[in-house]
ModelCIF file with pLDDT and N, C-alpha, C, O atoms, coordinates in Angstrom:
data_MODEL
#
_entry.id   MODEL 
#
_entity.id                         1 
_entity.type                       polymer 
_entity.pdbx_number_of_molecules   1 
#
_entity_poly.entity_id                      1 
_entity_poly.type                           'polypeptide(L)' 
_entity_poly.nstd_linkage                   no 
_entity_poly.nstd_monomer                   no 
_entity_poly.pdbx_seq_one_letter_code       
;(UNK)(UNK)(UNK)(UNK)(UNK)(UNK)(UNK)(UNK)(UNK)(UNK)(UNK)(UNK)(UNK)(UNK)(UNK)(UNK)
(UNK)(UNK)(UNK)(UNK)(UNK)(UNK)(UNK)(UNK)(UNK)(UNK)(UNK)(UNK)(UNK)(UNK)(UNK)(UNK)
(UNK)(UNK)(UNK)(UNK)(UNK)(UNK)(UNK)(UNK)(UNK)(UNK)(UNK)(UNK)(UNK)(UNK)
;
_entity_poly.pdbx_seq_one_letter_code_can   XXXXXXXXXXXXXXXXXXXXXXXXXXXXXXXXXXXXXXXXXXXXXX 
_entity_poly.pdbx_strand_id                 A 
#
loop_
_entity_poly_seq.entity_id 
_entity_poly_seq.num 
_entity_poly_seq.mon_id 
_entity_poly_seq.hetero 
1 1  UNK n 
1 2  UNK n 
1 3  UNK n 
1 4  UNK n 
1 5  UNK n 
1 6  UNK n 
1 7  UNK n 
1 8  UNK n 
1 9  UNK n 
1 10 UNK n 
1 11 UNK n 
1 12 UNK n 
1 13 UNK n 
1 14 UNK n 
1 15 UNK n 
1 16 UNK n 
1 17 UNK n 
1 18 UNK n 
1 19 UNK n 
1 20 UNK n 
1 21 UNK n 
1 22 UNK n 
1 23 UNK n 
1 24 UNK n 
1 25 UNK n 
1 26 UNK n 
1 27 UNK n 
1 28 UNK n 
1 29 UNK n 
1 30 UNK n 
1 31 UNK n 
1 32 UNK n 
1 33 UNK n 
1 34 UNK n 
1 35 UNK n 
1 36 UNK n 
1 37 UNK n 
1 38 UNK n 
1 39 UNK n 
1 40 UNK n 
1 41 UNK n 
1 42 UNK n 
1 43 UNK n 
1 44 UNK n 
1 45 UNK n 
1 46 UNK n 
#
_struct_asym.id          A 
_struct_asym.entity_id   1 
#
loop_
_ma_qa_metric.id 
_ma_qa_metric.mode 
_ma_qa_metric.name 
_ma_qa_metric.software_group_id 
_ma_qa_metric.type 
1 global pLDDT . pLDDT 
2 local  pLDDT . pLDDT 
#
_ma_qa_metric_global.metric_id      1 
_ma_qa_metric_global.metric_value   93.33 
_ma_qa_metric_global.model_id       1 
_ma_qa_metric_global.ordinal_id     1 
#
loop_
_ma_qa_metric_local.label_asym_id 
_ma_qa_metric_local.label_comp_id 
_ma_qa_metric_local.label_seq_id 
_ma_qa_metric_local.metric_id 
_ma_qa_metric_local.metric_value 
_ma_qa_metric_local.model_id 
_ma_qa_metric_local.ordinal_id 
A UNK 1  2 95.00 1 1  
A UNK 2  2 94.00 1 2  
A UNK 3  2 95.00 1 3  
A UNK 4  2 95.00 1 4  
A UNK 5  2 95.00 1 5  
A UNK 6  2 93.00 1 6  
A UNK 7  2 94.00 1 7  
A UNK 8  2 94.00 1 8  
A UNK 9  2 92.00 1 9  
A UNK 10 2 94.00 1 10 
A UNK 11 2 93.00 1 11 
A UNK 12 2 91.00 1 12 
A UNK 13 2 95.00 1 13 
A UNK 14 2 94.00 1 14 
A UNK 15 2 94.00 1 15 
A UNK 16 2 94.00 1 16 
A UNK 17 2 95.00 1 17 
A UNK 18 2 94.00 1 18 
A UNK 19 2 94.00 1 19 
A UNK 20 2 93.00 1 20 
A UNK 21 2 93.00 1 21 
A UNK 22 2 91.00 1 22 
A UNK 23 2 92.00 1 23 
A UNK 24 2 90.00 1 24 
A UNK 25 2 90.00 1 25 
A UNK 26 2 91.00 1 26 
A UNK 27 2 92.00 1 27 
A UNK 28 2 94.00 1 28 
A UNK 29 2 95.00 1 29 
A UNK 30 2 94.00 1 30 
A UNK 31 2 94.00 1 31 
A UNK 32 2 95.00 1 32 
A UNK 33 2 95.00 1 33 
A UNK 34 2 95.00 1 34 
A UNK 35 2 95.00 1 35 
A UNK 36 2 95.00 1 36 
A UNK 37 2 95.00 1 37 
A UNK 38 2 93.00 1 38 
A UNK 39 2 93.00 1 39 
A UNK 40 2 94.00 1 40 
A UNK 41 2 93.00 1 41 
A UNK 42 2 91.00 1 42 
A UNK 43 2 92.00 1 43 
A UNK 44 2 92.00 1 44 
A UNK 45 2 91.00 1 45 
A UNK 46 2 90.00 1 46 
#
loop_
_atom_site.group_PDB 
_atom_site.id 
_atom_site.type_symbol 
_atom_site.label_atom_id 
_atom_site.label_alt_id 
_atom_site.label_comp_id 
_atom_site.label_asym_id 
_atom_site.label_entity_id 
_atom_site.label_seq_id 
_atom_site.pdbx_PDB_ins_code 
_atom_site.Cartn_x 
_atom_site.Cartn_y 
_atom_site.Cartn_z 
_atom_site.occupancy 
_atom_site.B_iso_or_equiv 
_atom_site.pdbx_formal_charge 
_atom_site.auth_seq_id 
_atom_site.auth_comp_id 
_atom_site.auth_asym_id 
_atom_site.auth_atom_id 
_atom_site.pdbx_PDB_model_num 
ATOM 1   N N  . UNK A 1 1  ? -28.310 65.307 148.505 1.00 95.00 ? 1  UNK A N  1 
ATOM 2   C CA . UNK A 1 1  ? -29.487 64.454 148.703 1.00 95.00 ? 1  UNK A CA 1 
ATOM 3   C C  . UNK A 1 1  ? -29.349 63.610 149.966 1.00 95.00 ? 1  UNK A C  1 
ATOM 4   O O  . UNK A 1 1  ? -30.311 63.421 150.709 1.00 95.00 ? 1  UNK A O  1 
ATOM 5   N N  . UNK A 1 2  ? -28.128 63.102 150.198 1.00 94.00 ? 2  UNK A N  1 
ATOM 6   C CA . UNK A 1 2  ? -27.888 62.269 151.381 1.00 94.00 ? 2  UNK A CA 1 
ATOM 7   C C  . UNK A 1 2  ? -28.170 63.046 152.666 1.00 94.00 ? 2  UNK A C  1 
ATOM 8   O O  . UNK A 1 2  ? -28.761 62.508 153.602 1.00 94.00 ? 2  UNK A O  1 
ATOM 9   N N  . UNK A 1 3  ? -27.754 64.290 152.710 1.00 95.00 ? 3  UNK A N  1 
ATOM 10  C CA . UNK A 1 3  ? -27.975 65.121 153.897 1.00 95.00 ? 3  UNK A CA 1 
ATOM 11  C C  . UNK A 1 3  ? -29.455 65.377 154.123 1.00 95.00 ? 3  UNK A C  1 
ATOM 12  O O  . UNK A 1 3  ? -29.930 65.375 155.259 1.00 95.00 ? 3  UNK A O  1 
ATOM 13  N N  . UNK A 1 4  ? -30.185 65.600 153.024 1.00 95.00 ? 4  UNK A N  1 
ATOM 14  C CA . UNK A 1 4  ? -31.632 65.812 153.141 1.00 95.00 ? 4  UNK A CA 1 
ATOM 15  C C  . UNK A 1 4  ? -32.322 64.568 153.673 1.00 95.00 ? 4  UNK A C  1 
ATOM 16  O O  . UNK A 1 4  ? -33.191 64.642 154.541 1.00 95.00 ? 4  UNK A O  1 
ATOM 17  N N  . UNK A 1 5  ? -31.919 63.423 153.136 1.00 95.00 ? 5  UNK A N  1 
ATOM 18  C CA . UNK A 1 5  ? -32.509 62.167 153.584 1.00 95.00 ? 5  UNK A CA 1 
ATOM 19  C C  . UNK A 1 5  ? -32.189 61.901 155.052 1.00 95.00 ? 5  UNK A C  1 
ATOM 20  O O  . UNK A 1 5  ? -33.051 61.460 155.812 1.00 95.00 ? 5  UNK A O  1 
ATOM 21  N N  . UNK A 1 6  ? -30.961 62.167 155.442 1.00 93.00 ? 6  UNK A N  1 
ATOM 22  C CA . UNK A 1 6  ? -30.568 61.974 156.839 1.00 93.00 ? 6  UNK A CA 1 
ATOM 23  C C  . UNK A 1 6  ? -31.362 62.888 157.752 1.00 93.00 ? 6  UNK A C  1 
ATOM 24  O O  . UNK A 1 6  ? -31.836 62.464 158.806 1.00 93.00 ? 6  UNK A O  1 
ATOM 25  N N  . UNK A 1 7  ? -31.506 64.130 157.353 1.00 94.00 ? 7  UNK A N  1 
ATOM 26  C CA . UNK A 1 7  ? -32.229 65.112 158.166 1.00 94.00 ? 7  UNK A CA 1 
ATOM 27  C C  . UNK A 1 7  ? -33.696 64.738 158.322 1.00 94.00 ? 7  UNK A C  1 
ATOM 28  O O  . UNK A 1 7  ? -34.298 64.988 159.366 1.00 94.00 ? 7  UNK A O  1 
ATOM 29  N N  . UNK A 1 8  ? -34.272 64.137 157.279 1.00 94.00 ? 8  UNK A N  1 
ATOM 30  C CA . UNK A 1 8  ? -35.692 63.767 157.323 1.00 94.00 ? 8  UNK A CA 1 
ATOM 31  C C  . UNK A 1 8  ? -35.924 62.405 157.972 1.00 94.00 ? 8  UNK A C  1 
ATOM 32  O O  . UNK A 1 8  ? -37.063 61.951 158.089 1.00 94.00 ? 8  UNK A O  1 
ATOM 33  N N  . UNK A 1 9  ? -34.817 61.746 158.401 1.00 92.00 ? 9  UNK A N  1 
ATOM 34  C CA . UNK A 1 9  ? -34.950 60.478 159.102 1.00 92.00 ? 9  UNK A CA 1 
ATOM 35  C C  . UNK A 1 9  ? -34.921 59.248 158.218 1.00 92.00 ? 9  UNK A C  1 
ATOM 36  O O  . UNK A 1 9  ? -35.117 58.133 158.703 1.00 92.00 ? 9  UNK A O  1 
ATOM 37  N N  . UNK A 1 10 ? -34.679 59.432 156.920 1.00 94.00 ? 10 UNK A N  1 
ATOM 38  C CA . UNK A 1 10 ? -34.578 58.290 156.001 1.00 94.00 ? 10 UNK A CA 1 
ATOM 39  C C  . UNK A 1 10 ? -33.122 57.797 155.997 1.00 94.00 ? 10 UNK A C  1 
ATOM 40  O O  . UNK A 1 10 ? -32.367 58.019 155.051 1.00 94.00 ? 10 UNK A O  1 
ATOM 41  N N  . UNK A 1 11 ? -32.767 57.127 157.081 1.00 93.00 ? 11 UNK A N  1 
ATOM 42  C CA . UNK A 1 11 ? -31.364 56.807 157.324 1.00 93.00 ? 11 UNK A CA 1 
ATOM 43  C C  . UNK A 1 11 ? -30.804 55.761 156.370 1.00 93.00 ? 11 UNK A C  1 
ATOM 44  O O  . UNK A 1 11 ? -29.661 55.884 155.928 1.00 93.00 ? 11 UNK A O  1 
ATOM 45  N N  . UNK A 1 12 ? -31.580 54.742 156.046 1.00 91.00 ? 12 UNK A N  1 
ATOM 46  C CA . UNK A 1 12 ? -31.087 53.691 155.148 1.00 91.00 ? 12 UNK A CA 1 
ATOM 47  C C  . UNK A 1 12 ? -30.794 54.273 153.770 1.00 91.00 ? 12 UNK A C  1 
ATOM 48  O O  . UNK A 1 12 ? -29.755 53.989 153.174 1.00 91.00 ? 12 UNK A O  1 
ATOM 49  N N  . UNK A 1 13 ? -31.722 55.093 153.268 1.00 95.00 ? 13 UNK A N  1 
ATOM 50  C CA . UNK A 1 13 ? -31.529 55.722 151.956 1.00 95.00 ? 13 UNK A CA 1 
ATOM 51  C C  . UNK A 1 13 ? -30.355 56.690 151.979 1.00 95.00 ? 13 UNK A C  1 
ATOM 52  O O  . UNK A 1 13 ? -29.583 56.770 151.023 1.00 95.00 ? 13 UNK A O  1 
ATOM 53  N N  . UNK A 1 14 ? -30.225 57.434 153.094 1.00 94.00 ? 14 UNK A N  1 
ATOM 54  C CA . UNK A 1 14 ? -29.112 58.375 153.227 1.00 94.00 ? 14 UNK A CA 1 
ATOM 55  C C  . UNK A 1 14 ? -27.777 57.638 153.203 1.00 94.00 ? 14 UNK A C  1 
ATOM 56  O O  . UNK A 1 14 ? -26.824 58.090 152.568 1.00 94.00 ? 14 UNK A O  1 
ATOM 57  N N  . UNK A 1 15 ? -27.713 56.517 153.888 1.00 94.00 ? 15 UNK A N  1 
ATOM 58  C CA . UNK A 1 15 ? -26.462 55.756 153.914 1.00 94.00 ? 15 UNK A CA 1 
ATOM 59  C C  . UNK A 1 15 ? -26.087 55.269 152.521 1.00 94.00 ? 15 UNK A C  1 
ATOM 60  O O  . UNK A 1 15 ? -24.917 55.309 152.138 1.00 94.00 ? 15 UNK A O  1 
ATOM 61  N N  . UNK A 1 16 ? -27.069 54.813 151.772 1.00 94.00 ? 16 UNK A N  1 
ATOM 62  C CA . UNK A 1 16 ? -26.800 54.336 150.412 1.00 94.00 ? 16 UNK A CA 1 
ATOM 63  C C  . UNK A 1 16 ? -26.234 55.460 149.548 1.00 94.00 ? 16 UNK A C  1 
ATOM 64  O O  . UNK A 1 16 ? -25.338 55.231 148.735 1.00 94.00 ? 16 UNK A O  1 
ATOM 65  N N  . UNK A 1 17 ? -26.758 56.675 149.724 1.00 95.00 ? 17 UNK A N  1 
ATOM 66  C CA . UNK A 1 17 ? -26.241 57.810 148.959 1.00 95.00 ? 17 UNK A CA 1 
ATOM 67  C C  . UNK A 1 17 ? -24.818 58.160 149.371 1.00 95.00 ? 17 UNK A C  1 
ATOM 68  O O  . UNK A 1 17 ? -23.976 58.450 148.522 1.00 95.00 ? 17 UNK A O  1 
ATOM 69  N N  . UNK A 1 18 ? -24.549 58.134 150.673 1.00 94.00 ? 18 UNK A N  1 
ATOM 70  C CA . UNK A 1 18 ? -23.188 58.419 151.138 1.00 94.00 ? 18 UNK A CA 1 
ATOM 71  C C  . UNK A 1 18 ? -22.206 57.393 150.573 1.00 94.00 ? 18 UNK A C  1 
ATOM 72  O O  . UNK A 1 18 ? -21.103 57.745 150.154 1.00 94.00 ? 18 UNK A O  1 
ATOM 73  N N  . UNK A 1 19 ? -22.613 56.123 150.564 1.00 94.00 ? 19 UNK A N  1 
ATOM 74  C CA . UNK A 1 19 ? -21.753 55.058 150.031 1.00 94.00 ? 19 UNK A CA 1 
ATOM 75  C C  . UNK A 1 19 ? -21.538 55.245 148.530 1.00 94.00 ? 19 UNK A C  1 
ATOM 76  O O  . UNK A 1 19 ? -20.425 55.074 148.033 1.00 94.00 ? 19 UNK A O  1 
ATOM 77  N N  . UNK A 1 20 ? -22.597 55.593 147.816 1.00 93.00 ? 20 UNK A N  1 
ATOM 78  C CA . UNK A 1 20 ? -22.474 55.834 146.376 1.00 93.00 ? 20 UNK A CA 1 
ATOM 79  C C  . UNK A 1 20 ? -21.515 56.986 146.095 1.00 93.00 ? 20 UNK A C  1 
ATOM 80  O O  . UNK A 1 20 ? -20.687 56.915 145.187 1.00 93.00 ? 20 UNK A O  1 
ATOM 81  N N  . UNK A 1 21 ? -21.641 58.045 146.886 1.00 93.00 ? 21 UNK A N  1 
ATOM 82  C CA . UNK A 1 21 ? -20.751 59.190 146.741 1.00 93.00 ? 21 UNK A CA 1 
ATOM 83  C C  . UNK A 1 21 ? -19.307 58.790 146.980 1.00 93.00 ? 21 UNK A C  1 
ATOM 84  O O  . UNK A 1 21 ? -18.413 59.194 146.236 1.00 93.00 ? 21 UNK A O  1 
ATOM 85  N N  . UNK A 1 22 ? -19.079 57.997 148.015 1.00 91.00 ? 22 UNK A N  1 
ATOM 86  C CA . UNK A 1 22 ? -17.733 57.568 148.359 1.00 91.00 ? 22 UNK A CA 1 
ATOM 87  C C  . UNK A 1 22 ? -17.135 56.678 147.279 1.00 91.00 ? 22 UNK A C  1 
ATOM 88  O O  . UNK A 1 22 ? -15.925 56.689 147.051 1.00 91.00 ? 22 UNK A O  1 
ATOM 89  N N  . UNK A 1 23 ? -18.003 55.898 146.608 1.00 92.00 ? 23 UNK A N  1 
ATOM 90  C CA . UNK A 1 23 ? -17.535 55.024 145.543 1.00 92.00 ? 23 UNK A CA 1 
ATOM 91  C C  . UNK A 1 23 ? -17.089 55.821 144.321 1.00 92.00 ? 23 UNK A C  1 
ATOM 92  O O  . UNK A 1 23 ? -16.157 55.426 143.621 1.00 92.00 ? 23 UNK A O  1 
ATOM 93  N N  . UNK A 1 24 ? -17.754 56.935 144.071 1.00 90.00 ? 24 UNK A N  1 
ATOM 94  C CA . UNK A 1 24 ? -17.394 57.781 142.938 1.00 90.00 ? 24 UNK A CA 1 
ATOM 95  C C  . UNK A 1 24 ? -16.120 58.573 143.216 1.00 90.00 ? 24 UNK A C  1 
ATOM 96  O O  . UNK A 1 24 ? -15.219 58.656 142.381 1.00 90.00 ? 24 UNK A O  1 
ATOM 97  N N  . UNK A 1 25 ? -16.075 59.150 144.415 1.00 90.00 ? 25 UNK A N  1 
ATOM 98  C CA . UNK A 1 25 ? -14.923 59.992 144.773 1.00 90.00 ? 25 UNK A CA 1 
ATOM 99  C C  . UNK A 1 25 ? -14.866 60.090 146.293 1.00 90.00 ? 25 UNK A C  1 
ATOM 100 O O  . UNK A 1 25 ? -15.794 60.600 146.921 1.00 90.00 ? 25 UNK A O  1 
ATOM 101 N N  . UNK A 1 26 ? -13.796 59.611 146.874 1.00 91.00 ? 26 UNK A N  1 
ATOM 102 C CA . UNK A 1 26 ? -13.705 59.573 148.332 1.00 91.00 ? 26 UNK A CA 1 
ATOM 103 C C  . UNK A 1 26 ? -13.561 60.966 148.925 1.00 91.00 ? 26 UNK A C  1 
ATOM 104 O O  . UNK A 1 26 ? -12.707 61.751 148.514 1.00 91.00 ? 26 UNK A O  1 
ATOM 105 N N  . UNK A 1 27 ? -14.416 61.254 149.901 1.00 92.00 ? 27 UNK A N  1 
ATOM 106 C CA . UNK A 1 27 ? -14.364 62.539 150.597 1.00 92.00 ? 27 UNK A CA 1 
ATOM 107 C C  . UNK A 1 27 ? -14.546 62.311 152.093 1.00 92.00 ? 27 UNK A C  1 
ATOM 108 O O  . UNK A 1 27 ? -15.176 61.338 152.507 1.00 92.00 ? 27 UNK A O  1 
ATOM 109 N N  . UNK A 1 28 ? -13.995 63.208 152.897 1.00 94.00 ? 28 UNK A N  1 
ATOM 110 C CA . UNK A 1 28 ? -14.180 63.127 154.343 1.00 94.00 ? 28 UNK A CA 1 
ATOM 111 C C  . UNK A 1 28 ? -15.652 63.326 154.706 1.00 94.00 ? 28 UNK A C  1 
ATOM 112 O O  . UNK A 1 28 ? -16.155 62.749 155.670 1.00 94.00 ? 28 UNK A O  1 
ATOM 113 N N  . UNK A 1 29 ? -16.323 64.151 153.915 1.00 95.00 ? 29 UNK A N  1 
ATOM 114 C CA . UNK A 1 29 ? -17.729 64.445 154.179 1.00 95.00 ? 29 UNK A CA 1 
ATOM 115 C C  . UNK A 1 29 ? -18.583 63.180 154.074 1.00 95.00 ? 29 UNK A C  1 
ATOM 116 O O  . UNK A 1 29 ? -19.444 62.932 154.918 1.00 95.00 ? 29 UNK A O  1 
ATOM 117 N N  . UNK A 1 30 ? -18.340 62.395 153.042 1.00 94.00 ? 30 UNK A N  1 
ATOM 118 C CA . UNK A 1 30 ? -19.095 61.155 152.855 1.00 94.00 ? 30 UNK A CA 1 
ATOM 119 C C  . UNK A 1 30 ? -18.736 60.140 153.939 1.00 94.00 ? 30 UNK A C  1 
ATOM 120 O O  . UNK A 1 30 ? -19.611 59.463 154.479 1.00 94.00 ? 30 UNK A O  1 
ATOM 121 N N  . UNK A 1 31 ? -17.443 60.039 154.253 1.00 94.00 ? 31 UNK A N  1 
ATOM 122 C CA . UNK A 1 31 ? -16.999 59.088 155.277 1.00 94.00 ? 31 UNK A CA 1 
ATOM 123 C C  . UNK A 1 31 ? -17.631 59.412 156.633 1.00 94.00 ? 31 UNK A C  1 
ATOM 124 O O  . UNK A 1 31 ? -18.080 58.515 157.346 1.00 94.00 ? 31 UNK A O  1 
ATOM 125 N N  . UNK A 1 32 ? -17.661 60.698 156.979 1.00 95.00 ? 32 UNK A N  1 
ATOM 126 C CA . UNK A 1 32 ? -18.275 61.111 158.246 1.00 95.00 ? 32 UNK A CA 1 
ATOM 127 C C  . UNK A 1 32 ? -19.778 60.885 158.211 1.00 95.00 ? 32 UNK A C  1 
ATOM 128 O O  . UNK A 1 32 ? -20.389 60.548 159.225 1.00 95.00 ? 32 UNK A O  1 
ATOM 129 N N  . UNK A 1 33 ? -20.373 61.075 157.020 1.00 95.00 ? 33 UNK A N  1 
ATOM 130 C CA . UNK A 1 33 ? -21.805 60.840 156.876 1.00 95.00 ? 33 UNK A CA 1 
ATOM 131 C C  . UNK A 1 33 ? -22.160 59.387 157.131 1.00 95.00 ? 33 UNK A C  1 
ATOM 132 O O  . UNK A 1 33 ? -23.142 59.097 157.814 1.00 95.00 ? 33 UNK A O  1 
ATOM 133 N N  . UNK A 1 34 ? -21.370 58.473 156.586 1.00 95.00 ? 34 UNK A N  1 
ATOM 134 C CA . UNK A 1 34 ? -21.596 57.044 156.794 1.00 95.00 ? 34 UNK A CA 1 
ATOM 135 C C  . UNK A 1 34 ? -21.460 56.699 158.280 1.00 95.00 ? 34 UNK A C  1 
ATOM 136 O O  . UNK A 1 34 ? -22.288 55.981 158.841 1.00 95.00 ? 34 UNK A O  1 
ATOM 137 N N  . UNK A 1 35 ? -20.415 57.215 158.896 1.00 95.00 ? 35 UNK A N  1 
ATOM 138 C CA . UNK A 1 35 ? -20.183 56.948 160.321 1.00 95.00 ? 35 UNK A CA 1 
ATOM 139 C C  . UNK A 1 35 ? -21.334 57.486 161.174 1.00 95.00 ? 35 UNK A C  1 
ATOM 140 O O  . UNK A 1 35 ? -21.799 56.827 162.104 1.00 95.00 ? 35 UNK A O  1 
ATOM 141 N N  . UNK A 1 36 ? -21.775 58.681 160.838 1.00 95.00 ? 36 UNK A N  1 
ATOM 142 C CA . UNK A 1 36 ? -22.852 59.324 161.606 1.00 95.00 ? 36 UNK A CA 1 
ATOM 143 C C  . UNK A 1 36 ? -24.174 58.558 161.461 1.00 95.00 ? 36 UNK A C  1 
ATOM 144 O O  . UNK A 1 36 ? -24.872 58.324 162.448 1.00 95.00 ? 36 UNK A O  1 
ATOM 145 N N  . UNK A 1 37 ? -24.507 58.174 160.233 1.00 95.00 ? 37 UNK A N  1 
ATOM 146 C CA . UNK A 1 37 ? -25.751 57.452 159.979 1.00 95.00 ? 37 UNK A CA 1 
ATOM 147 C C  . UNK A 1 37 ? -25.714 56.065 160.619 1.00 95.00 ? 37 UNK A C  1 
ATOM 148 O O  . UNK A 1 37 ? -26.713 55.607 161.173 1.00 95.00 ? 37 UNK A O  1 
ATOM 149 N N  . UNK A 1 38 ? -24.570 55.403 160.541 1.00 93.00 ? 38 UNK A N  1 
ATOM 150 C CA . UNK A 1 38 ? -24.436 54.089 161.175 1.00 93.00 ? 38 UNK A CA 1 
ATOM 151 C C  . UNK A 1 38 ? -24.711 54.166 162.675 1.00 93.00 ? 38 UNK A C  1 
ATOM 152 O O  . UNK A 1 38 ? -25.358 53.288 163.245 1.00 93.00 ? 38 UNK A O  1 
ATOM 153 N N  . UNK A 1 39 ? -24.214 55.223 163.302 1.00 93.00 ? 39 UNK A N  1 
ATOM 154 C CA . UNK A 1 39 ? -24.443 55.408 164.733 1.00 93.00 ? 39 UNK A CA 1 
ATOM 155 C C  . UNK A 1 39 ? -25.929 55.610 165.021 1.00 93.00 ? 39 UNK A C  1 
ATOM 156 O O  . UNK A 1 39 ? -26.457 55.061 165.989 1.00 93.00 ? 39 UNK A O  1 
ATOM 157 N N  . UNK A 1 40 ? -26.592 56.386 164.197 1.00 94.00 ? 40 UNK A N  1 
ATOM 158 C CA . UNK A 1 40 ? -28.029 56.625 164.375 1.00 94.00 ? 40 UNK A CA 1 
ATOM 159 C C  . UNK A 1 40 ? -28.830 55.349 164.161 1.00 94.00 ? 40 UNK A C  1 
ATOM 160 O O  . UNK A 1 40 ? -29.793 55.088 164.883 1.00 94.00 ? 40 UNK A O  1 
ATOM 161 N N  . UNK A 1 41 ? -28.436 54.557 163.175 1.00 93.00 ? 41 UNK A N  1 
ATOM 162 C CA . UNK A 1 41 ? -29.128 53.300 162.913 1.00 93.00 ? 41 UNK A CA 1 
ATOM 163 C C  . UNK A 1 41 ? -28.976 52.337 164.083 1.00 93.00 ? 41 UNK A C  1 
ATOM 164 O O  . UNK A 1 41 ? -29.939 51.679 164.479 1.00 93.00 ? 41 UNK A O  1 
ATOM 165 N N  . UNK A 1 42 ? -27.766 52.252 164.638 1.00 91.00 ? 42 UNK A N  1 
ATOM 166 C CA . UNK A 1 42 ? -27.559 51.377 165.795 1.00 91.00 ? 42 UNK A CA 1 
ATOM 167 C C  . UNK A 1 42 ? -28.401 51.819 166.984 1.00 91.00 ? 42 UNK A C  1 
ATOM 168 O O  . UNK A 1 42 ? -28.974 50.990 167.691 1.00 91.00 ? 42 UNK A O  1 
ATOM 169 N N  . UNK A 1 43 ? -28.472 53.125 167.201 1.00 92.00 ? 43 UNK A N  1 
ATOM 170 C CA . UNK A 1 43 ? -29.275 53.652 168.306 1.00 92.00 ? 43 UNK A CA 1 
ATOM 171 C C  . UNK A 1 43 ? -30.749 53.309 168.119 1.00 92.00 ? 43 UNK A C  1 
ATOM 172 O O  . UNK A 1 43 ? -31.431 52.936 169.074 1.00 92.00 ? 43 UNK A O  1 
ATOM 173 N N  . UNK A 1 44 ? -31.236 53.435 166.892 1.00 92.00 ? 44 UNK A N  1 
ATOM 174 C CA . UNK A 1 44 ? -32.644 53.142 166.624 1.00 92.00 ? 44 UNK A CA 1 
ATOM 175 C C  . UNK A 1 44 ? -32.935 51.657 166.813 1.00 92.00 ? 44 UNK A C  1 
ATOM 176 O O  . UNK A 1 44 ? -33.974 51.288 167.361 1.00 92.00 ? 44 UNK A O  1 
ATOM 177 N N  . UNK A 1 45 ? -32.017 50.808 166.359 1.00 91.00 ? 45 UNK A N  1 
ATOM 178 C CA . UNK A 1 45 ? -32.212 49.367 166.524 1.00 91.00 ? 45 UNK A CA 1 
ATOM 179 C C  . UNK A 1 45 ? -32.220 48.996 168.010 1.00 91.00 ? 45 UNK A C  1 
ATOM 180 O O  . UNK A 1 45 ? -32.998 48.140 168.430 1.00 91.00 ? 45 UNK A O  1 
ATOM 181 N N  . UNK A 1 46 ? -31.365 49.629 168.796 1.00 90.00 ? 46 UNK A N  1 
ATOM 182 C CA . UNK A 1 46 ? -31.360 49.379 170.242 1.00 90.00 ? 46 UNK A CA 1 
ATOM 183 C C  . UNK A 1 46 ? -32.715 49.721 170.855 1.00 90.00 ? 46 UNK A C  1 
ATOM 184 O O  . UNK A 1 46 ? -32.901 49.575 172.063 1.00 90.00 ? 46 UNK A O  1 
#
C-alpha cells in the first residue's frame, strides 16, 4: 500500500505506512521507503 501511495503522489500517507511497517517488523525496504519519501517531501516543500 505504501508503494502505491508513493507512486500516486500521496507522500504523507505513504510515509505513515512505511513507518507503521517498520514498527511492526524492521526491513531495509521500509527504511529506504522512509528515506526516499522524506527526500521527495523536502523537494516539494522547497
